[in-house]
Amino acid sequence: MLVLARVAPLFALAPLFSSRLIPMRVRGIVAVAIAVGLSPVLIQGKHLPTAPLDLGYLVGKELLVGLAFAFTLSALFAAITVAGSFMDMSIGFSYGSIVDPINGTQSSVLTQAYSLVALLVFIAIGGDGWVIRGLAKTYDIVPLDRSPDLGRLIAGVDTAFVGIFSASIQVAGPVLLALILTDVAFGLVSRVVPQLNVFGVGFPAKVTVGLLLIGASLPFVAGWLADSLQGSVSDALQMLHVA
């Protein structure tokens, strides 16, 4: 039960593990299977309390550690989603939205496209294996019978949250800069040639420029995501320390 309390947040927040494409029952079975597989190794040499209050405290502590670890990983994918929404607003795709099968919510075209690309890269580089190995290493840092350093844990979660915006700017920056320059160019043209219907010409031009740059930058985004995923697992482990 204690191991399951730390494993379960992965299936609520972590990329791929929390995907709505995976039925809830399947996620529950996999979480229990991981907990059952880890438990025999983790309880060796440990004398865990059986009193209800002490056991409740340990369950809460395990949930806190699991939530912090899963949130740090989900922040990376949140940055990809925010980058897609920035580009949707700049190009004009935010006027239309469709249902995102990963999150089960409505999102614009590029937001969903970037989420799917991030998920495909995550699977292709074996990110699920990295996450499971990272979760297993958390028990080396914070064992079942020890408590984490709460101050360092909160600081790590805060850093991951603040990093969402900066990471999204890194992903969407080249496309946003090109679209801003396109707007400036059409603004100058409208002053020089007032007869030109800028709104009629500008929207297709922005769509063309945006899609061309997105197609050119996606390979670099995939490489950035692979490197950042390793860094996210490392950051999630570094913020865990015994009090």
C-alpha atoms as a PDB file:
ATOM      1  CA  MET A   1       0.000   0.000   0.000  1.00  0.00           C
ATOM      2  CA  LEU A   2       2.843   2.414   0.767  1.00  0.00           C
ATOM      3  CA  VAL A   3       4.583   1.717  -2.535  1.00  0.00           C
ATOM      4  CA  LEU A   4       1.292   2.112  -4.410  1.00  0.00           C
ATOM      5  CA  ALA A   5       0.822   5.527  -2.786  1.00  0.00           C
ATOM      6  CA  ARG A   6       4.067   6.723  -4.408  1.00  0.00           C
ATOM      7  CA  VAL A   7       3.415   4.990  -7.748  1.00  0.00           C
ATOM      8  CA  ALA A   8      -0.215   6.125  -8.188  1.00  0.00           C
ATOM      9  CA  PRO A   9       0.527   9.848  -8.872  1.00  0.00           C
ATOM     10  CA  LEU A  10       2.414   8.821 -12.017  1.00  0.00           C
ATOM     11  CA  PHE A  11      -0.899   7.656 -13.490  1.00  0.00           C
ATOM     12  CA  ALA A  12      -2.540  10.975 -12.636  1.00  0.00           C
ATOM     13  CA  LEU A  13       0.115  13.486 -13.737  1.00  0.00           C
ATOM     14  CA  ALA A  14       3.089  11.938 -15.558  1.00  0.00           C
ATOM     15  CA  PRO A  15       3.223  11.979 -19.379  1.00  0.00           C
ATOM     16  CA  LEU A  16       1.884   8.872 -21.161  1.00  0.00           C
ATOM     17  CA  PHE A  17       1.006   7.183 -17.846  1.00  0.00           C
ATOM     18  CA  SER A  18      -1.851   9.666 -17.270  1.00  0.00           C
ATOM     19  CA  SER A  19      -3.065   9.699 -20.894  1.00  0.00           C
ATOM     20  CA  ARG A  20      -6.819   9.442 -21.407  1.00  0.00           C
ATOM     21  CA  LEU A  21      -6.049   7.065 -24.275  1.00  0.00           C
ATOM     22  CA  ILE A  22      -5.314   4.420 -21.626  1.00  0.00           C
ATOM     23  CA  PRO A  23      -8.461   3.222 -19.799  1.00  0.00           C
ATOM     24  CA  MET A  24      -8.610   3.929 -16.078  1.00  0.00           C
ATOM     25  CA  ARG A  25      -8.869   0.225 -15.262  1.00  0.00           C
ATOM     26  CA  VAL A  26      -5.703  -0.546 -17.219  1.00  0.00           C
ATOM     27  CA  ARG A  27      -3.835   2.256 -15.470  1.00  0.00           C
ATOM     28  CA  GLY A  28      -4.952   0.940 -12.113  1.00  0.00           C
ATOM     29  CA  ILE A  29      -3.820  -2.610 -12.930  1.00  0.00           C
ATOM     30  CA  VAL A  30      -0.408  -1.398 -14.134  1.00  0.00           C
ATOM     31  CA  ALA A  31       0.053   0.768 -11.013  1.00  0.00           C
ATOM     32  CA  VAL A  32      -0.710  -2.187  -8.744  1.00  0.00           C
ATOM     33  CA  ALA A  33       1.605  -4.425 -10.788  1.00  0.00           C
ATOM     34  CA  ILE A  34       4.498  -1.953 -10.453  1.00  0.00           C
ATOM     35  CA  ALA A  35       3.867  -1.619  -6.718  1.00  0.00           C
ATOM     36  CA  VAL A  36       3.773  -5.397  -6.256  1.00  0.00           C
ATOM     37  CA  GLY A  37       7.003  -5.760  -8.242  1.00  0.00           C
ATOM     38  CA  LEU A  38       8.871  -3.126  -6.223  1.00  0.00           C
ATOM     39  CA  SER A  39       7.583  -4.011  -2.754  1.00  0.00           C
ATOM     40  CA  PRO A  40       9.658  -7.168  -2.020  1.00  0.00           C
ATOM     41  CA  VAL A  41      12.898  -5.276  -2.735  1.00  0.00           C
ATOM     42  CA  LEU A  42      11.969  -2.112  -0.849  1.00  0.00           C
ATOM     43  CA  ILE A  43      10.794  -3.690   2.413  1.00  0.00           C
ATOM     44  CA  GLN A  44      13.992  -5.665   3.007  1.00  0.00           C
ATOM     45  CA  GLY A  45      15.563  -4.571   6.279  1.00  0.00           C
ATOM     46  CA  LYS A  46      12.769  -2.072   6.988  1.00  0.00           C
ATOM     47  CA  HIS A  47      10.697  -2.127  10.176  1.00  0.00           C
ATOM     48  CA  LEU A  48       7.529  -0.271   9.238  1.00  0.00           C
ATOM     49  CA  PRO A  49       5.001   0.789  11.878  1.00  0.00           C
ATOM     50  CA  THR A  50       1.564  -0.797  11.900  1.00  0.00           C
ATOM     51  CA  ALA A  51      -0.266   1.733  14.082  1.00  0.00           C
ATOM     52  CA  PRO A  52      -3.069   3.477  12.115  1.00  0.00           C
ATOM     53  CA  LEU A  53      -1.774   7.014  12.724  1.00  0.00           C
ATOM     54  CA  ASP A  54       1.810   6.173  11.823  1.00  0.00           C
ATOM     55  CA  LEU A  55       0.683   4.256   8.760  1.00  0.00           C
ATOM     56  CA  GLY A  56      -1.531   7.159   7.675  1.00  0.00           C
ATOM     57  CA  TYR A  57       1.423   9.549   8.017  1.00  0.00           C
ATOM     58  CA  LEU A  58       3.594   7.287   5.841  1.00  0.00           C
ATOM     59  CA  VAL A  59       0.871   7.041   3.185  1.00  0.00           C
ATOM     60  CA  GLY A  60       0.572  10.837   3.072  1.00  0.00           C
ATOM     61  CA  LYS A  61       4.347  11.184   2.838  1.00  0.00           C
ATOM     62  CA  GLU A  62       4.501   8.677  -0.028  1.00  0.00           C
ATOM     63  CA  LEU A  63       1.729  10.503  -1.886  1.00  0.00           C
ATOM     64  CA  LEU A  64       3.606  13.792  -1.482  1.00  0.00           C
ATOM     65  CA  VAL A  65       6.841  12.334  -2.865  1.00  0.00           C
ATOM     66  CA  GLY A  66       5.016  10.695  -5.781  1.00  0.00           C
ATOM     67  CA  LEU A  67       3.117  13.882  -6.621  1.00  0.00           C
ATOM     68  CA  ALA A  68       6.292  15.987  -6.590  1.00  0.00           C
ATOM     69  CA  PHE A  69       8.125  13.512  -8.827  1.00  0.00           C
ATOM     70  CA  ALA A  70       5.218  13.218 -11.290  1.00  0.00           C
ATOM     71  CA  PHE A  71       4.592  16.986 -11.385  1.00  0.00           C
ATOM     72  CA  THR A  72       8.208  17.720 -12.299  1.00  0.00           C
ATOM     73  CA  LEU A  73       7.887  15.393 -15.286  1.00  0.00           C
ATOM     74  CA  SER A  74       4.472  16.722 -16.328  1.00  0.00           C
ATOM     75  CA  ALA A  75       5.802  20.311 -16.300  1.00  0.00           C
ATOM     76  CA  LEU A  76       7.894  19.510 -19.390  1.00  0.00           C
ATOM     77  CA  PHE A  77       4.837  18.392 -21.364  1.00  0.00           C
ATOM     78  CA  ALA A  78       2.879  21.359 -20.048  1.00  0.00           C
ATOM     79  CA  ALA A  79       5.566  23.601 -21.576  1.00  0.00           C
ATOM     80  CA  ILE A  80       5.069  21.908 -24.963  1.00  0.00           C
ATOM     81  CA  THR A  81       1.309  22.468 -24.703  1.00  0.00           C
ATOM     82  CA  VAL A  82       1.762  26.142 -23.769  1.00  0.00           C
ATOM     83  CA  ALA A  83       4.138  26.599 -26.711  1.00  0.00           C
ATOM     84  CA  GLY A  84       1.495  25.180 -29.049  1.00  0.00           C
ATOM     85  CA  SER A  85      -1.148  27.527 -27.626  1.00  0.00           C
ATOM     86  CA  PHE A  86       1.182  30.526 -28.140  1.00  0.00           C
ATOM     87  CA  MET A  87       1.560  29.611 -31.815  1.00  0.00           C
ATOM     88  CA  ASP A  88      -2.180  28.987 -32.180  1.00  0.00           C
ATOM     89  CA  MET A  89      -2.915  32.499 -30.939  1.00  0.00           C
ATOM     90  CA  SER A  90      -0.249  34.078 -33.131  1.00  0.00           C
ATOM     91  CA  ILE A  91      -1.265  32.301 -36.344  1.00  0.00           C
ATOM     92  CA  GLY A  92      -5.009  32.490 -35.699  1.00  0.00           C
ATOM     93  CA  PHE A  93      -5.840  28.832 -35.160  1.00  0.00           C
ATOM     94  CA  SER A  94      -7.180  29.554 -31.672  1.00  0.00           C
ATOM     95  CA  TYR A  95     -10.560  30.421 -33.225  1.00  0.00           C
ATOM     96  CA  GLY A  96     -11.242  26.733 -33.714  1.00  0.00           C
ATOM     97  CA  SER A  97     -10.722  23.982 -31.145  1.00  0.00           C
ATOM     98  CA  ILE A  98     -11.097  20.217 -31.162  1.00  0.00           C
ATOM     99  CA  VAL A  99     -11.092  17.541 -28.470  1.00  0.00           C
ATOM    100  CA  ASP A 100      -7.600  16.508 -27.382  1.00  0.00           C
ATOM    101  CA  PRO A 101      -7.610  12.689 -27.004  1.00  0.00           C
ATOM    102  CA  ILE A 102      -4.595  12.778 -24.653  1.00  0.00           C
ATOM    103  CA  ASN A 103      -6.014  15.142 -22.030  1.00  0.00           C
ATOM    104  CA  GLY A 104      -9.716  14.816 -22.801  1.00  0.00           C
ATOM    105  CA  THR A 105     -10.113  18.593 -23.085  1.00  0.00           C
ATOM    106  CA  GLN A 106     -10.682  21.009 -25.950  1.00  0.00           C
ATOM    107  CA  SER A 107      -7.566  22.504 -27.494  1.00  0.00           C
ATOM    108  CA  SER A 108      -6.498  24.193 -30.713  1.00  0.00           C
ATOM    109  CA  VAL A 109      -4.850  22.471 -33.645  1.00  0.00           C
ATOM    110  CA  LEU A 110      -1.181  23.197 -32.930  1.00  0.00           C
ATOM    111  CA  THR A 111      -1.609  22.604 -29.201  1.00  0.00           C
ATOM    112  CA  GLN A 112      -2.871  19.112 -29.916  1.00  0.00           C
ATOM    113  CA  ALA A 113      -0.278  18.511 -32.640  1.00  0.00           C
ATOM    114  CA  TYR A 114       2.617  19.416 -30.349  1.00  0.00           C
ATOM    115  CA  SER A 115       1.159  17.258 -27.564  1.00  0.00           C
ATOM    116  CA  LEU A 116       1.020  14.275 -29.916  1.00  0.00           C
ATOM    117  CA  VAL A 117       4.556  14.910 -31.186  1.00  0.00           C
ATOM    118  CA  ALA A 118       5.828  15.122 -27.601  1.00  0.00           C
ATOM    119  CA  LEU A 119       4.074  11.854 -26.748  1.00  0.00           C
ATOM    120  CA  LEU A 120       5.543  10.119 -29.818  1.00  0.00           C
ATOM    121  CA  VAL A 121       9.054  11.320 -28.962  1.00  0.00           C
ATOM    122  CA  PHE A 122       8.532  10.194 -25.364  1.00  0.00           C
ATOM    123  CA  ILE A 123       7.663   6.683 -26.558  1.00  0.00           C
ATOM    124  CA  ALA A 124      10.394   6.569 -29.205  1.00  0.00           C
ATOM    125  CA  ILE A 125      13.214   7.394 -26.780  1.00  0.00           C
ATOM    126  CA  GLY A 126      11.959   4.981 -24.124  1.00  0.00           C
ATOM    127  CA  GLY A 127      10.800   7.692 -21.760  1.00  0.00           C
ATOM    128  CA  ASP A 128       8.485   5.295 -19.935  1.00  0.00           C
ATOM    129  CA  GLY A 129      11.514   3.214 -18.913  1.00  0.00           C
ATOM    130  CA  TRP A 130      13.348   6.328 -17.702  1.00  0.00           C
ATOM    131  CA  VAL A 131      10.355   7.311 -15.574  1.00  0.00           C
ATOM    132  CA  ILE A 132      10.060   3.862 -13.969  1.00  0.00           C
ATOM    133  CA  ARG A 133      13.801   3.723 -13.261  1.00  0.00           C
ATOM    134  CA  GLY A 134      13.672   7.257 -11.860  1.00  0.00           C
ATOM    135  CA  LEU A 135      10.788   6.298  -9.602  1.00  0.00           C
ATOM    136  CA  ALA A 136      12.739   3.283  -8.339  1.00  0.00           C
ATOM    137  CA  LYS A 137      15.731   5.535  -7.578  1.00  0.00           C
ATOM    138  CA  THR A 138      13.564   7.791  -5.425  1.00  0.00           C
ATOM    139  CA  TYR A 139      13.515   4.993  -2.851  1.00  0.00           C
ATOM    140  CA  ASP A 140      17.300   5.175  -2.612  1.00  0.00           C
ATOM    141  CA  ILE A 141      17.005   8.868  -1.737  1.00  0.00           C
ATOM    142  CA  VAL A 142      13.834   8.781   0.384  1.00  0.00           C
ATOM    143  CA  PRO A 143      13.208   5.253   1.737  1.00  0.00           C
ATOM    144  CA  LEU A 144       9.803   4.094   2.915  1.00  0.00           C
ATOM    145  CA  ASP A 145      10.622   4.750   6.560  1.00  0.00           C
ATOM    146  CA  ARG A 146      12.149   8.223   6.076  1.00  0.00           C
ATOM    147  CA  SER A 147      10.638  11.647   5.319  1.00  0.00           C
ATOM    148  CA  PRO A 148      11.771  14.092   2.598  1.00  0.00           C
ATOM    149  CA  ASP A 149      13.126  17.581   3.181  1.00  0.00           C
ATOM    150  CA  LEU A 150       9.882  19.527   2.755  1.00  0.00           C
ATOM    151  CA  GLY A 151      11.582  22.851   2.022  1.00  0.00           C
ATOM    152  CA  ARG A 152      13.731  21.428  -0.740  1.00  0.00           C
ATOM    153  CA  LEU A 153      10.752  19.508  -2.143  1.00  0.00           C
ATOM    154  CA  ILE A 154       8.614  22.650  -2.393  1.00  0.00           C
ATOM    155  CA  ALA A 155      11.506  24.603  -3.922  1.00  0.00           C
ATOM    156  CA  GLY A 156      11.954  21.925  -6.594  1.00  0.00           C
ATOM    157  CA  VAL A 157       8.246  21.923  -7.479  1.00  0.00           C
ATOM    158  CA  ASP A 158       8.262  25.730  -7.621  1.00  0.00           C
ATOM    159  CA  THR A 159      11.266  25.710  -9.969  1.00  0.00           C
ATOM    160  CA  ALA A 160       9.542  23.205 -12.250  1.00  0.00           C
ATOM    161  CA  PHE A 161       6.391  25.344 -12.331  1.00  0.00           C
ATOM    162  CA  VAL A 162       8.284  28.541 -13.119  1.00  0.00           C
ATOM    163  CA  GLY A 163      10.248  26.728 -15.827  1.00  0.00           C
ATOM    164  CA  ILE A 164       7.069  25.966 -17.814  1.00  0.00           C
ATOM    165  CA  PHE A 165       6.915  29.467 -19.299  1.00  0.00           C
ATOM    166  CA  SER A 166      10.629  29.731 -20.113  1.00  0.00           C
ATOM    167  CA  ALA A 167      10.663  26.283 -21.729  1.00  0.00           C
ATOM    168  CA  SER A 168       7.588  27.111 -23.821  1.00  0.00           C
ATOM    169  CA  ILE A 169       9.292  30.279 -25.092  1.00  0.00           C
ATOM    170  CA  GLN A 170      12.325  28.207 -26.122  1.00  0.00           C
ATOM    171  CA  VAL A 171      10.091  25.908 -28.168  1.00  0.00           C
ATOM    172  CA  ALA A 172       7.837  28.546 -29.728  1.00  0.00           C
ATOM    173  CA  GLY A 173      10.356  31.405 -29.896  1.00  0.00           C
ATOM    174  CA  PRO A 174      11.532  31.065 -33.539  1.00  0.00           C
ATOM    175  CA  VAL A 175       7.983  30.756 -34.874  1.00  0.00           C
ATOM    176  CA  LEU A 176       6.697  33.635 -32.738  1.00  0.00           C
ATOM    177  CA  LEU A 177       9.566  35.886 -33.841  1.00  0.00           C
ATOM    178  CA  ALA A 178       8.898  35.147 -37.511  1.00  0.00           C
ATOM    179  CA  LEU A 179       5.180  35.862 -37.071  1.00  0.00           C
ATOM    180  CA  ILE A 180       5.910  39.160 -35.310  1.00  0.00           C
ATOM    181  CA  LEU A 181       8.198  40.192 -38.183  1.00  0.00           C
ATOM    182  CA  THR A 182       5.443  39.199 -40.630  1.00  0.00           C
ATOM    183  CA  ASP A 183       2.969  41.434 -38.795  1.00  0.00           C
ATOM    184  CA  VAL A 184       5.471  44.307 -38.841  1.00  0.00           C
ATOM    185  CA  ALA A 185       6.044  43.826 -42.569  1.00  0.00           C
ATOM    186  CA  PHE A 186       2.323  43.926 -43.348  1.00  0.00           C
ATOM    187  CA  GLY A 187       1.955  46.971 -41.109  1.00  0.00           C
ATOM    188  CA  LEU A 188       4.577  48.781 -43.186  1.00  0.00           C
ATOM    189  CA  VAL A 189       2.943  47.627 -46.425  1.00  0.00           C
ATOM    190  CA  SER A 190      -0.444  48.912 -45.280  1.00  0.00           C
ATOM    191  CA  ARG A 191       1.074  52.367 -44.728  1.00  0.00           C
ATOM    192  CA  VAL A 192       2.809  52.390 -48.104  1.00  0.00           C
ATOM    193  CA  VAL A 193      -0.056  50.831 -50.097  1.00  0.00           C
ATOM    194  CA  PRO A 194      -3.316  51.762 -48.314  1.00  0.00           C
ATOM    195  CA  GLN A 195      -5.395  50.205 -51.108  1.00  0.00           C
ATOM    196  CA  LEU A 196      -4.123  46.720 -50.248  1.00  0.00           C
ATOM    197  CA  ASN A 197      -6.485  44.584 -48.168  1.00  0.00           C
ATOM    198  CA  VAL A 198      -3.970  43.623 -45.470  1.00  0.00           C
ATOM    199  CA  PHE A 199      -6.428  41.492 -43.527  1.00  0.00           C
ATOM    200  CA  GLY A 200      -7.301  39.446 -46.590  1.00  0.00           C
ATOM    201  CA  VAL A 201      -3.636  38.845 -47.489  1.00  0.00           C
ATOM    202  CA  GLY A 202      -2.099  38.795 -44.016  1.00  0.00           C
ATOM    203  CA  PHE A 203      -3.928  35.804 -42.572  1.00  0.00           C
ATOM    204  CA  PRO A 204      -2.966  33.322 -45.333  1.00  0.00           C
ATOM    205  CA  ALA A 205       0.584  34.683 -45.250  1.00  0.00           C
ATOM    206  CA  LYS A 206       0.854  34.160 -41.489  1.00  0.00           C
ATOM    207  CA  VAL A 207      -0.509  30.626 -41.814  1.00  0.00           C
ATOM    208  CA  THR A 208       2.030  29.836 -44.543  1.00  0.00           C
ATOM    209  CA  VAL A 209       4.977  31.322 -42.644  1.00  0.00           C
ATOM    210  CA  GLY A 210       3.919  29.645 -39.417  1.00  0.00           C
ATOM    211  CA  LEU A 211       3.466  26.174 -40.900  1.00  0.00           C
ATOM    212  CA  LEU A 212       6.748  26.377 -42.814  1.00  0.00           C
ATOM    213  CA  LEU A 213       8.703  27.308 -39.691  1.00  0.00           C
ATOM    214  CA  ILE A 214       6.898  24.714 -37.581  1.00  0.00           C
ATOM    215  CA  GLY A 215       7.841  22.028 -40.100  1.00  0.00           C
ATOM    216  CA  ALA A 216      11.455  23.213 -40.093  1.00  0.00           C
ATOM    217  CA  SER A 217      11.717  23.443 -36.295  1.00  0.00           C
ATOM    218  CA  LEU A 218       9.962  20.205 -35.278  1.00  0.00           C
ATOM    219  CA  PRO A 219      13.133  18.037 -35.585  1.00  0.00           C
ATOM    220  CA  PHE A 220      14.942  20.427 -33.248  1.00  0.00           C
ATOM    221  CA  VAL A 221      11.971  20.383 -30.847  1.00  0.00           C
ATOM    222  CA  ALA A 222      12.146  16.573 -30.778  1.00  0.00           C
ATOM    223  CA  GLY A 223      15.848  16.678 -29.897  1.00  0.00           C
ATOM    224  CA  TRP A 224      15.247  19.346 -27.262  1.00  0.00           C
ATOM    225  CA  LEU A 225      12.477  17.248 -25.739  1.00  0.00           C
ATOM    226  CA  ALA A 226      14.697  14.144 -25.524  1.00  0.00           C
ATOM    227  CA  ASP A 227      17.416  16.088 -23.713  1.00  0.00           C
ATOM    228  CA  SER A 228      14.949  17.901 -21.458  1.00  0.00           C
ATOM    229  CA  LEU A 229      13.284  14.656 -20.423  1.00  0.00           C
ATOM    230  CA  GLN A 230      16.566  13.340 -19.060  1.00  0.00           C
ATOM    231  CA  GLY A 231      17.048  16.653 -17.259  1.00  0.00           C
ATOM    232  CA  SER A 232      13.515  16.503 -15.794  1.00  0.00           C
ATOM    233  CA  VAL A 233      14.092  13.040 -14.318  1.00  0.00           C
ATOM    234  CA  SER A 234      17.413  14.254 -12.895  1.00  0.00           C
ATOM    235  CA  ASP A 235      15.796  17.409 -11.442  1.00  0.00           C
ATOM    236  CA  ALA A 236      13.012  15.345  -9.901  1.00  0.00           C
ATOM    237  CA  LEU A 237      15.586  13.165  -8.138  1.00  0.00           C
ATOM    238  CA  GLN A 238      17.741  16.091  -7.007  1.00  0.00           C
ATOM    239  CA  MET A 239      14.875  17.789  -5.179  1.00  0.00           C
ATOM    240  CA  LEU A 240      14.300  14.679  -3.047  1.00  0.00           C
ATOM    241  CA  HIS A 241      16.441  14.584   0.065  1.00  0.00           C
ATOM    242  CA  VAL A 242      15.884  13.137   3.479  1.00  0.00           C
ATOM    243  CA  ALA A 243      15.062  15.675   6.158  1.00  0.00           C
END
